[in-house]
N, C-alpha and C. Protein backbone atom coordinates (compact mmCIF):
# COMPACT_ATOMS: atom_id res chain seq x y z
N MET A 1 56.26 -37.24 65.55
CA MET A 1 55.90 -36.59 64.17
C MET A 1 53.84 -36.72 63.67
N ALA A 2 53.47 -35.57 63.98
CA ALA A 2 51.68 -35.80 63.95
C ALA A 2 51.66 -35.98 62.56
N ARG A 3 50.59 -36.60 62.36
CA ARG A 3 50.63 -37.43 60.81
C ARG A 3 48.69 -37.06 60.42
N ARG A 4 48.20 -36.53 59.70
CA ARG A 4 46.48 -35.80 59.55
C ARG A 4 46.18 -36.27 57.91
N VAL A 5 45.20 -36.77 57.70
CA VAL A 5 44.51 -37.68 56.81
C VAL A 5 43.46 -36.32 56.25
N ILE A 6 44.27 -35.93 55.10
CA ILE A 6 42.83 -34.89 54.42
C ILE A 6 41.92 -35.31 53.50
N SER A 7 41.03 -34.87 53.22
CA SER A 7 40.21 -35.31 52.40
C SER A 7 39.33 -33.77 52.65
N ILE A 8 38.49 -34.22 50.87
CA ILE A 8 37.60 -33.39 49.78
C ILE A 8 36.69 -34.01 49.58
N PRO A 9 35.20 -33.31 49.81
CA PRO A 9 33.89 -33.87 48.86
C PRO A 9 34.13 -34.76 47.90
N ASN A 10 34.30 -34.45 47.17
CA ASN A 10 34.80 -34.98 45.62
C ASN A 10 35.79 -35.87 45.27
N ALA A 11 36.43 -36.31 46.39
CA ALA A 11 37.69 -37.26 45.81
C ALA A 11 37.08 -38.73 45.45
N PRO A 12 37.90 -39.06 44.33
CA PRO A 12 37.18 -40.36 43.76
C PRO A 12 37.81 -41.25 45.57
N LYS A 13 36.96 -42.57 45.40
CA LYS A 13 37.05 -43.29 46.23
C LYS A 13 37.95 -44.62 45.94
N MET A 14 39.13 -44.22 46.47
CA MET A 14 40.67 -44.63 45.76
C MET A 14 41.11 -45.41 47.11
N PRO A 15 42.27 -46.27 47.13
CA PRO A 15 42.52 -46.96 48.46
C PRO A 15 44.07 -45.45 48.51
N PHE A 16 43.36 -44.18 48.54
CA PHE A 16 44.48 -43.53 48.80
C PHE A 16 44.36 -42.27 49.71
N SER A 17 45.18 -41.25 50.23
CA SER A 17 44.25 -40.11 50.82
C SER A 17 44.42 -39.08 49.81
N PRO A 18 43.67 -37.46 49.52
CA PRO A 18 44.20 -36.75 48.85
C PRO A 18 45.50 -36.41 49.10
N ALA A 19 45.32 -36.27 50.68
CA ALA A 19 46.73 -35.92 50.88
C ALA A 19 47.01 -36.07 52.53
N ILE A 20 48.18 -35.78 52.20
CA ILE A 20 48.67 -36.06 54.04
C ILE A 20 49.35 -34.71 54.94
N LYS A 21 48.66 -34.12 56.01
CA LYS A 21 49.95 -33.27 56.27
C LYS A 21 50.76 -33.66 57.26
N THR A 22 51.56 -33.13 57.61
CA THR A 22 52.59 -33.55 59.02
C THR A 22 52.72 -32.13 59.39
N ASP A 23 53.70 -32.20 60.15
CA ASP A 23 53.65 -31.06 60.99
C ASP A 23 54.13 -29.87 60.27
N GLN A 24 54.99 -30.16 58.93
CA GLN A 24 55.76 -29.14 58.20
C GLN A 24 55.15 -29.09 57.16
N TYR A 25 55.00 -30.61 56.76
CA TYR A 25 54.37 -30.66 55.17
C TYR A 25 52.95 -31.04 54.49
N VAL A 26 52.81 -30.48 53.38
CA VAL A 26 51.17 -31.13 53.28
C VAL A 26 51.66 -32.06 51.47
N PHE A 27 51.51 -33.23 51.13
CA PHE A 27 51.91 -34.46 50.79
C PHE A 27 50.66 -34.33 49.66
N VAL A 28 50.72 -33.84 48.04
CA VAL A 28 49.09 -34.11 47.81
C VAL A 28 49.60 -35.39 46.93
N SER A 29 48.30 -36.30 46.99
CA SER A 29 48.84 -37.15 46.28
C SER A 29 48.39 -36.97 44.47
N GLY A 30 48.57 -37.74 43.54
CA GLY A 30 48.38 -37.52 42.21
C GLY A 30 47.08 -36.73 41.77
N GLN A 31 46.77 -36.06 41.22
CA GLN A 31 45.41 -35.16 40.59
C GLN A 31 45.26 -35.26 39.45
N ALA A 32 43.83 -35.64 38.77
CA ALA A 32 43.86 -35.01 37.62
C ALA A 32 42.76 -34.37 37.23
N GLY A 33 42.61 -34.43 35.75
CA GLY A 33 41.60 -33.11 35.79
C GLY A 33 40.88 -33.57 34.35
N PHE A 34 40.18 -34.56 34.17
CA PHE A 34 39.68 -35.53 32.99
C PHE A 34 38.27 -35.39 33.53
N TYR A 35 37.12 -34.85 34.31
CA TYR A 35 36.11 -34.97 34.93
C TYR A 35 35.97 -33.79 35.40
N GLU A 36 34.51 -32.96 35.20
CA GLU A 36 34.35 -31.70 36.19
C GLU A 36 33.91 -32.43 37.73
N PRO A 37 34.23 -32.08 38.85
CA PRO A 37 34.18 -33.03 39.85
C PRO A 37 32.75 -32.75 40.42
N LYS A 38 32.09 -31.55 40.34
CA LYS A 38 30.92 -31.80 40.83
C LYS A 38 29.74 -32.28 39.67
N THR A 39 30.07 -32.24 38.25
CA THR A 39 28.99 -32.89 37.83
C THR A 39 29.27 -34.04 37.16
N GLY A 40 30.61 -34.46 36.86
CA GLY A 40 31.09 -35.90 36.88
C GLY A 40 31.56 -35.81 35.38
N GLU A 41 30.46 -34.51 34.14
CA GLU A 41 31.22 -34.15 33.09
C GLU A 41 32.67 -34.26 32.73
N GLU A 42 32.90 -35.15 31.50
CA GLU A 42 34.51 -35.32 31.12
C GLU A 42 34.80 -34.34 30.39
N ILE A 43 36.24 -34.14 30.37
CA ILE A 43 37.11 -32.82 30.04
C ILE A 43 37.53 -33.06 29.24
N ASN A 44 38.07 -32.72 28.12
CA ASN A 44 39.11 -32.71 27.25
C ASN A 44 39.57 -31.85 26.98
N GLY A 45 40.67 -32.59 26.08
CA GLY A 45 42.31 -31.14 26.00
C GLY A 45 42.82 -30.94 27.02
N ILE A 46 44.02 -30.66 26.79
CA ILE A 46 45.39 -30.20 27.59
C ILE A 46 45.11 -29.59 28.21
N GLU A 47 44.46 -27.91 27.92
CA GLU A 47 44.59 -27.03 28.40
C GLU A 47 43.83 -26.62 29.92
N THR A 48 42.21 -27.70 29.10
CA THR A 48 41.23 -27.44 30.00
C THR A 48 41.52 -28.82 31.28
N GLN A 49 42.33 -29.24 30.85
CA GLN A 49 42.35 -30.53 31.69
C GLN A 49 43.79 -29.90 32.83
N THR A 50 45.00 -29.67 32.31
CA THR A 50 45.73 -29.03 33.17
C THR A 50 44.90 -27.81 34.57
N LYS A 51 44.19 -27.10 33.91
CA LYS A 51 43.30 -25.75 34.67
C LYS A 51 42.60 -27.02 35.59
N GLN A 52 42.27 -27.80 35.55
CA GLN A 52 41.13 -28.68 36.49
C GLN A 52 41.97 -29.01 37.36
N THR A 53 43.16 -29.93 36.88
CA THR A 53 44.12 -30.29 37.84
C THR A 53 44.93 -29.68 38.59
N LEU A 54 44.91 -28.78 38.28
CA LEU A 54 45.65 -27.43 39.32
C LEU A 54 44.91 -27.21 40.26
N GLU A 55 43.41 -26.62 40.05
CA GLU A 55 42.11 -26.40 40.76
C GLU A 55 42.00 -27.63 41.49
N ASN A 56 42.08 -28.62 40.86
CA ASN A 56 41.83 -29.59 42.31
C ASN A 56 43.03 -29.76 43.24
N MET A 57 44.22 -29.38 42.63
CA MET A 57 45.22 -29.59 44.22
C MET A 57 45.25 -28.58 44.39
N LYS A 58 44.77 -27.11 44.38
CA LYS A 58 44.45 -26.39 45.09
C LYS A 58 43.43 -26.53 46.42
N GLU A 59 42.32 -27.23 45.59
CA GLU A 59 41.42 -27.74 46.51
C GLU A 59 41.98 -28.12 47.39
N VAL A 60 42.53 -29.32 47.56
CA VAL A 60 43.63 -30.21 48.36
C VAL A 60 44.26 -29.24 49.22
N LEU A 61 45.34 -28.52 48.63
CA LEU A 61 46.35 -27.64 49.75
C LEU A 61 45.44 -26.94 50.47
N GLU A 62 44.31 -26.39 50.00
CA GLU A 62 43.33 -25.13 51.01
C GLU A 62 42.49 -26.08 51.97
N ALA A 63 42.28 -27.67 51.54
CA ALA A 63 41.33 -28.19 52.34
C ALA A 63 42.64 -28.06 53.97
N ALA A 64 43.66 -28.12 52.97
CA ALA A 64 44.63 -28.69 54.59
C ALA A 64 45.23 -27.24 55.32
N GLY A 65 44.85 -26.46 54.83
CA GLY A 65 45.25 -25.18 55.32
C GLY A 65 46.07 -24.53 54.48
N SER A 66 46.71 -24.81 53.66
CA SER A 66 48.02 -24.39 52.67
C SER A 66 47.18 -23.65 51.69
N SER A 67 48.42 -23.67 50.37
CA SER A 67 48.04 -22.85 49.24
C SER A 67 49.07 -23.23 48.10
N LEU A 68 48.70 -22.89 46.94
CA LEU A 68 49.62 -23.01 45.60
C LEU A 68 51.44 -22.58 46.20
N GLY A 69 50.74 -21.48 47.00
CA GLY A 69 51.73 -20.36 47.22
C GLY A 69 53.18 -20.82 47.84
N ASP A 70 52.52 -22.47 48.82
CA ASP A 70 53.47 -23.19 49.62
C ASP A 70 54.10 -24.14 48.92
N VAL A 71 53.87 -24.68 47.94
CA VAL A 71 54.36 -25.59 47.18
C VAL A 71 55.86 -25.55 46.98
N VAL A 72 56.60 -26.43 46.93
CA VAL A 72 58.26 -26.34 47.14
C VAL A 72 58.62 -27.47 46.01
N LYS A 73 57.60 -28.52 45.50
CA LYS A 73 57.89 -29.57 44.82
C LYS A 73 56.55 -29.90 43.95
N VAL A 74 56.69 -30.26 42.84
CA VAL A 74 55.32 -30.22 41.66
C VAL A 74 56.19 -31.56 40.56
N THR A 75 55.45 -32.52 40.82
CA THR A 75 55.91 -33.17 39.21
C THR A 75 54.35 -33.76 38.29
N VAL A 76 55.20 -33.69 37.09
CA VAL A 76 54.14 -33.68 36.58
C VAL A 76 54.14 -34.89 35.58
N PHE A 77 53.26 -35.89 35.45
CA PHE A 77 52.81 -36.55 34.11
C PHE A 77 52.40 -35.92 33.25
N LEU A 78 52.51 -36.29 32.09
CA LEU A 78 51.85 -36.15 30.89
C LEU A 78 51.97 -37.44 29.85
N ARG A 79 50.78 -37.68 29.04
CA ARG A 79 50.50 -38.42 28.51
C ARG A 79 51.76 -38.12 27.09
N ASN A 80 51.67 -37.25 26.75
CA ASN A 80 52.13 -36.31 25.23
C ASN A 80 52.99 -35.77 25.91
N ALA A 81 54.53 -35.68 25.06
CA ALA A 81 55.10 -34.96 24.94
C ALA A 81 54.94 -33.57 24.17
N ASP A 82 53.82 -33.64 23.21
CA ASP A 82 53.36 -32.60 22.49
C ASP A 82 52.85 -31.91 23.30
N HIS A 83 52.25 -31.82 24.34
CA HIS A 83 51.19 -31.42 25.62
C HIS A 83 52.40 -30.68 26.37
N PHE A 84 53.34 -30.45 26.31
CA PHE A 84 54.27 -30.04 27.26
C PHE A 84 54.02 -28.15 27.13
N ASP A 85 54.44 -28.11 26.21
CA ASP A 85 54.39 -26.26 25.79
C ASP A 85 52.50 -26.00 26.31
N LYS A 86 51.96 -26.61 26.21
CA LYS A 86 50.26 -26.02 26.29
C LYS A 86 50.24 -26.06 28.10
N MET A 87 50.71 -27.57 28.51
CA MET A 87 50.74 -27.47 30.23
C MET A 87 51.66 -26.39 30.37
N ASN A 88 52.25 -26.25 29.99
CA ASN A 88 53.35 -25.18 31.16
C ASN A 88 52.76 -24.05 30.54
N GLU A 89 52.59 -23.25 29.67
CA GLU A 89 51.64 -21.89 29.72
C GLU A 89 50.66 -21.68 31.00
N ILE A 90 49.71 -22.95 31.08
CA ILE A 90 48.54 -23.01 31.92
C ILE A 90 49.31 -22.76 33.38
N TYR A 91 49.97 -23.99 33.21
CA TYR A 91 50.87 -24.00 34.83
C TYR A 91 51.63 -22.98 35.30
N ALA A 92 52.18 -22.46 34.57
CA ALA A 92 52.91 -20.67 35.11
C ALA A 92 52.00 -19.87 35.30
N SER A 93 50.81 -20.00 35.15
CA SER A 93 49.67 -19.09 35.39
C SER A 93 49.56 -19.31 36.88
N TYR A 94 49.43 -20.31 37.50
CA TYR A 94 49.31 -21.11 38.32
C TYR A 94 49.88 -20.50 39.45
N PHE A 95 51.22 -20.00 39.71
CA PHE A 95 52.09 -20.13 40.19
C PHE A 95 52.89 -18.47 39.86
N SER A 96 53.65 -18.20 40.86
CA SER A 96 54.26 -16.91 41.01
C SER A 96 55.72 -17.01 40.51
N LYS A 97 56.35 -15.76 40.28
CA LYS A 97 57.60 -16.17 39.66
C LYS A 97 58.86 -16.96 40.52
N ASP A 98 58.56 -16.77 41.51
CA ASP A 98 59.26 -17.67 42.53
C ASP A 98 58.92 -19.22 42.62
N TYR A 99 59.26 -19.66 41.47
CA TYR A 99 58.32 -20.90 41.02
C TYR A 99 59.05 -22.25 41.74
N PRO A 100 58.14 -23.52 42.24
CA PRO A 100 58.33 -24.56 42.50
C PRO A 100 59.36 -25.22 42.07
N ALA A 101 60.03 -26.59 42.83
CA ALA A 101 61.19 -27.27 42.06
C ALA A 101 59.72 -28.40 41.01
N ARG A 102 60.58 -28.57 40.08
CA ARG A 102 59.01 -29.73 39.39
C ARG A 102 60.27 -30.76 38.25
N SER A 103 59.61 -31.51 38.63
CA SER A 103 60.12 -32.27 37.12
C SER A 103 59.01 -32.86 36.37
N THR A 104 59.04 -33.15 35.09
CA THR A 104 58.22 -33.51 33.97
C THR A 104 58.26 -34.96 33.50
N VAL A 105 57.80 -35.75 33.48
CA VAL A 105 57.71 -36.88 32.92
C VAL A 105 56.68 -37.23 31.77
N ILE A 106 57.17 -38.27 31.12
CA ILE A 106 55.60 -38.45 29.91
C ILE A 106 55.77 -39.96 29.95
N ALA A 107 54.57 -40.35 30.47
CA ALA A 107 53.95 -41.63 31.27
C ALA A 107 52.64 -42.15 30.74
N ALA A 108 52.44 -43.13 30.29
CA ALA A 108 51.56 -43.42 30.45
C ALA A 108 50.15 -44.16 31.47
N LEU A 109 49.16 -43.20 31.29
CA LEU A 109 48.68 -42.97 32.74
C LEU A 109 47.45 -43.89 32.66
N VAL A 110 46.63 -43.93 34.07
CA VAL A 110 46.31 -44.71 34.65
C VAL A 110 44.94 -45.28 33.65
N LEU A 111 44.02 -44.05 33.58
CA LEU A 111 42.92 -44.22 32.42
C LEU A 111 43.61 -43.09 31.10
N PRO A 112 43.20 -44.13 29.91
CA PRO A 112 42.56 -43.43 28.91
C PRO A 112 42.49 -42.12 28.57
N GLN A 113 41.48 -41.62 29.15
CA GLN A 113 41.23 -40.49 29.03
C GLN A 113 42.04 -39.31 29.82
N MET A 114 42.62 -39.73 30.59
CA MET A 114 43.65 -38.96 31.30
C MET A 114 44.75 -38.14 31.01
N LEU A 115 45.02 -36.98 30.11
CA LEU A 115 46.04 -36.66 29.83
C LEU A 115 47.11 -36.43 30.71
N ILE A 116 46.77 -35.94 31.83
CA ILE A 116 47.69 -34.69 32.37
C ILE A 116 47.73 -35.59 34.58
N GLU A 117 48.60 -35.68 35.09
CA GLU A 117 48.47 -35.92 36.67
C GLU A 117 49.82 -35.06 37.16
N MET A 118 49.16 -34.73 38.23
CA MET A 118 50.19 -33.64 39.19
C MET A 118 50.43 -34.18 40.36
N GLU A 119 51.46 -34.16 41.04
CA GLU A 119 51.53 -34.10 42.69
C GLU A 119 52.40 -33.42 43.20
N CYS A 120 52.10 -32.79 44.64
CA CYS A 120 52.81 -32.18 44.77
C CYS A 120 53.55 -32.08 46.03
N ILE A 121 54.27 -31.47 47.02
CA ILE A 121 54.70 -31.15 48.33
C ILE A 121 54.57 -30.00 48.69
N ALA A 122 53.88 -29.50 49.35
CA ALA A 122 54.19 -28.16 49.88
C ALA A 122 54.73 -27.52 51.53
N TYR A 123 55.74 -26.98 51.78
CA TYR A 123 55.92 -26.64 53.03
C TYR A 123 54.88 -25.76 53.94
N HIS A 124 54.27 -26.12 55.03
CA HIS A 124 53.29 -25.26 55.80
C HIS A 124 53.56 -25.77 56.93
N PRO A 125 54.56 -24.93 57.75
CA PRO A 125 54.78 -25.52 59.36
C PRO A 125 53.29 -25.19 60.01
N SER A 126 52.98 -26.18 61.26
CA SER A 126 51.83 -25.81 61.61
C SER A 126 52.14 -24.85 63.13
N ARG A 127 51.67 -24.41 63.97
CA ARG A 127 52.10 -23.39 64.81
C ARG A 127 52.48 -24.20 65.89
N LYS A 128 52.16 -25.65 65.77
CA LYS A 128 52.15 -26.44 67.27
C LYS A 128 53.27 -27.03 66.95
N CYS A 129 53.66 -26.94 65.54
CA CYS A 129 54.75 -27.62 65.24
C CYS A 129 56.15 -27.73 66.25
N ARG A 130 57.05 -28.41 67.41
CA ARG A 130 57.54 -28.29 68.72
C ARG A 130 58.39 -27.92 67.90
N LEU A 131 59.49 -28.36 66.70
CA LEU A 131 60.57 -28.11 66.41
C LEU A 131 60.38 -26.27 66.12
N CYS A 132 59.78 -26.00 65.62
CA CYS A 132 59.48 -24.58 64.95
C CYS A 132 59.72 -23.78 66.05
N GLN A 133 58.39 -24.04 67.39
CA GLN A 133 58.77 -23.04 68.79
C GLN A 133 60.34 -23.02 69.12
N GLY A 134 60.40 -24.79 68.80
CA GLY A 134 61.94 -24.52 69.81
C GLY A 134 62.63 -23.36 69.30
N LEU A 135 62.78 -23.65 67.44
CA LEU A 135 63.50 -22.69 66.98
C LEU A 135 63.53 -21.32 67.26
N ARG A 136 61.92 -20.80 66.92
CA ARG A 136 61.45 -19.68 67.15
C ARG A 136 61.93 -18.81 68.41
N ARG A 137 62.21 -20.02 69.80
CA ARG A 137 62.33 -19.34 71.05
C ARG A 137 64.29 -19.60 70.67
N PHE A 138 65.04 -20.25 70.50
CA PHE A 138 65.75 -19.65 70.22
C PHE A 138 66.30 -18.63 69.42
N ILE A 139 65.85 -18.12 68.57
CA ILE A 139 66.11 -17.30 67.73
C ILE A 139 65.81 -15.86 68.17
N THR A 140 64.67 -16.03 68.95
CA THR A 140 64.36 -14.85 69.89
C THR A 140 65.80 -14.18 71.08
N PHE A 141 66.13 -15.73 71.70
CA PHE A 141 66.55 -15.66 72.65
C PHE A 141 67.82 -14.87 72.50
N SER A 142 68.06 -15.48 71.09
CA SER A 142 69.74 -15.16 71.10
C SER A 142 69.70 -13.93 70.16
N ARG A 143 68.56 -13.04 70.78
CA ARG A 143 68.90 -11.51 69.81
C ARG A 143 69.12 -10.70 70.73
């Protein structure tokens, strides 16, 4: 299985990759939205942090040649359970009605200014995937 590190220009300098792309999946590391990536300005409030978190996730997916439409699983980490309804409203506006599977966990996040973190898995088979090519040939031959 091919494995490729996905990088983005404003990624934090931490010992993990923003994402890993394999032949069929993109695994996006936890994304937060407590600062504006271009300016470094702090972002406050669950609504604006949720939007920025989703924009960050979208940027990483696009760098991998994927999109939010390919996402099959999301894990949301919230600092405060009271933020669930507001987060959910913003979240719903980023996905079509065929929503990905999702878990939401109330957790103490790494930094005190972080109100939310999200990670996801997207299904995005590359055209070079040998298994996919084999299945395509088999399906075509079977017809």
